[in-house]
Each structure stands twice: as C-alpha cells, then as structure tokens.
Amino acid sequence: MHHTATEPTRLQPHDRAGRLHAGLTLLRQERAPIADYQPADAPFVEAWRETRDRCANDHERALDHLDRFLHAHLGDLADLVRRARDGRGPTPLLDQIERALRTAVA
C-alpha cells in the first residue's frame, strides 16, 4: 500500500514521539521559496506564536509545548505544507516551525 505524506494526520499519533516524528516528516517536504499565509491561517499562526513563546520561556518543557501544538494542529500543519509545496502556504513560518522541532529533538 502506498502511503502519502498526509496519512500521519488521518491517524493522529498517540504519543509525543509519534507526533514529533509526524510533524518533522511533514516539514521535510520541499516548499516553494516564497509563499505566505492567508488570513484564514491566523488561528494557526497565533497558536504557533504562543507555542514559540512558551518554548522560549520554558526550555525544559519545550518538547511538551511542541507536542501540545502538534496534537492540536497536525492536520492544519499538513494542509499548510501541501499549500506551501504549491507556493500558496506560509513557507517562512513552516521553516521556523521545522527549526524549532529539529532543535527540540536534537
């Protein structure tokens, strides 16, 4: 059976490691270099900013904060990655999320 990049969002991983892996797998996909978010993406963007700030202020629990973000927004993340591949998603924001996840799991 062929698996697509969006399948991790169909069956939400049940643990933190699975969610972090699913998020990084999505974010490793190639994206158009110049794309930005749309007004409808504002709740996702705000949720990311809150998560980013929590991680910056509470380094010891960064993985927990990222996990909660992915648990709530993995489907939205998959949608934004798909759009970014086509030049219609928030590439700079996705780059920022990918860097944060890579740093946290390193």
Protein backbone atom coordinates (compact mmCIF):
# COMPACT_ATOMS: atom_id res chain seq x y z
CA MET A 1 0.00 0.00 0.00
CA HIS A 2 1.34 3.40 -0.96
CA HIS A 3 1.40 5.95 1.86
CA THR A 4 1.04 9.65 1.23
CA ALA A 5 2.61 12.44 3.23
CA THR A 6 -0.74 13.38 4.72
CA GLU A 7 -1.53 9.99 6.22
CA PRO A 8 0.05 10.76 9.61
CA THR A 9 -2.76 13.24 10.15
CA ARG A 10 -5.50 10.71 9.41
CA LEU A 11 -4.47 8.58 12.34
CA GLN A 12 -3.31 11.00 14.98
CA PRO A 13 -0.22 9.55 16.68
CA HIS A 14 -0.99 8.61 20.26
CA ASP A 15 2.28 9.67 21.83
CA ARG A 16 4.66 12.61 21.85
CA ALA A 17 7.40 10.86 19.89
CA GLY A 18 4.92 9.91 17.18
CA ARG A 19 3.56 13.44 16.90
CA LEU A 20 7.04 14.99 16.77
CA HIS A 21 8.05 12.47 14.10
CA ALA A 22 4.87 13.16 12.09
CA GLY A 23 5.46 16.92 12.31
CA LEU A 24 9.06 16.65 11.16
CA THR A 25 8.11 14.26 8.37
CA LEU A 26 5.59 16.78 7.07
CA LEU A 27 8.01 19.67 7.36
CA ARG A 28 10.81 17.88 5.50
CA GLN A 29 8.83 18.16 2.28
CA GLU A 30 10.08 20.66 -0.25
CA ARG A 31 8.33 24.03 -0.22
CA ALA A 32 8.18 26.90 -2.67
CA PRO A 33 10.73 29.53 -1.57
CA ILE A 34 8.32 32.46 -1.46
CA ALA A 35 4.87 31.97 -0.04
CA ASP A 36 2.95 33.48 2.83
CA TYR A 37 -0.05 32.66 4.97
CA GLN A 38 -3.61 33.68 4.24
CA PRO A 39 -5.97 35.48 6.64
CA ALA A 40 -7.75 32.18 7.33
CA ASP A 41 -4.46 30.84 8.72
CA ALA A 42 -4.43 33.42 11.53
CA PRO A 43 -5.55 31.00 14.31
CA PHE A 44 -2.76 28.57 13.37
CA VAL A 45 -0.21 31.38 13.21
CA GLU A 46 -1.31 32.71 16.60
CA ALA A 47 -1.18 29.22 18.13
CA TRP A 48 2.35 28.81 16.79
CA ARG A 49 3.46 32.18 18.18
CA GLU A 50 2.10 31.26 21.60
CA THR A 51 3.89 27.90 21.44
CA ARG A 52 7.13 29.53 20.29
CA ASP A 53 6.95 31.99 23.20
CA ARG A 54 6.24 29.20 25.70
CA CYS A 55 9.24 27.26 24.39
CA ALA A 56 11.47 30.32 24.67
CA ASN A 57 10.37 30.98 28.25
CA ASP A 58 10.34 27.36 29.41
CA HIS A 59 13.19 25.47 27.71
CA GLU A 60 12.85 22.45 29.98
CA ARG A 61 9.29 21.80 28.77
CA ALA A 62 9.79 22.77 25.11
CA LEU A 63 9.01 19.25 23.90
CA ASP A 64 5.77 19.27 25.88
CA HIS A 65 4.75 22.62 24.38
CA LEU A 66 5.58 21.46 20.85
CA ASP A 67 3.73 18.21 21.42
CA ARG A 68 0.58 20.05 22.53
CA PHE A 69 0.82 22.28 19.46
CA LEU A 70 1.15 19.28 17.14
CA HIS A 71 -1.63 17.40 18.90
CA ALA A 72 -3.99 20.31 18.27
CA HIS A 73 -2.74 21.40 14.84
CA LEU A 74 -1.18 18.47 12.95
CA GLY A 75 -3.99 18.47 10.38
CA ASP A 76 -3.60 22.22 9.84
CA LEU A 77 0.14 21.77 9.52
CA ALA A 78 -0.35 19.10 6.83
CA ASP A 79 -2.65 21.46 4.92
CA LEU A 80 -0.15 24.32 5.09
CA VAL A 81 2.70 22.07 3.94
CA ARG A 82 0.61 20.95 0.94
CA ARG A 83 -0.16 24.55 0.08
CA ALA A 84 3.48 25.60 0.53
CA ARG A 85 4.58 22.94 -1.95
CA ASP A 86 2.39 24.74 -4.49
CA GLY A 87 3.58 28.20 -3.48
CA ARG A 88 0.40 29.01 -1.56
CA GLY A 89 1.43 28.30 2.03
CA PRO A 90 3.44 30.12 4.71
CA THR A 91 6.95 28.92 3.82
CA PRO A 92 8.82 31.20 6.29
CA LEU A 93 6.51 30.16 9.12
CA LEU A 94 6.90 26.47 8.27
CA ASP A 95 10.69 26.91 8.15
CA GLN A 96 10.52 28.41 11.65
CA ILE A 97 8.42 25.53 12.98
CA GLU A 98 10.76 22.98 11.41
CA ARG A 99 13.81 24.63 13.01
CA ALA A 100 12.11 24.63 16.41
CA LEU A 101 11.21 20.93 16.14
CA ARG A 102 14.68 19.95 14.95
CA THR A 103 16.29 21.90 17.79
CA ALA A 104 13.98 20.41 20.40
CA VAL A 105 14.53 16.80 19.36
CA ALA A 106 18.29 17.16 18.85
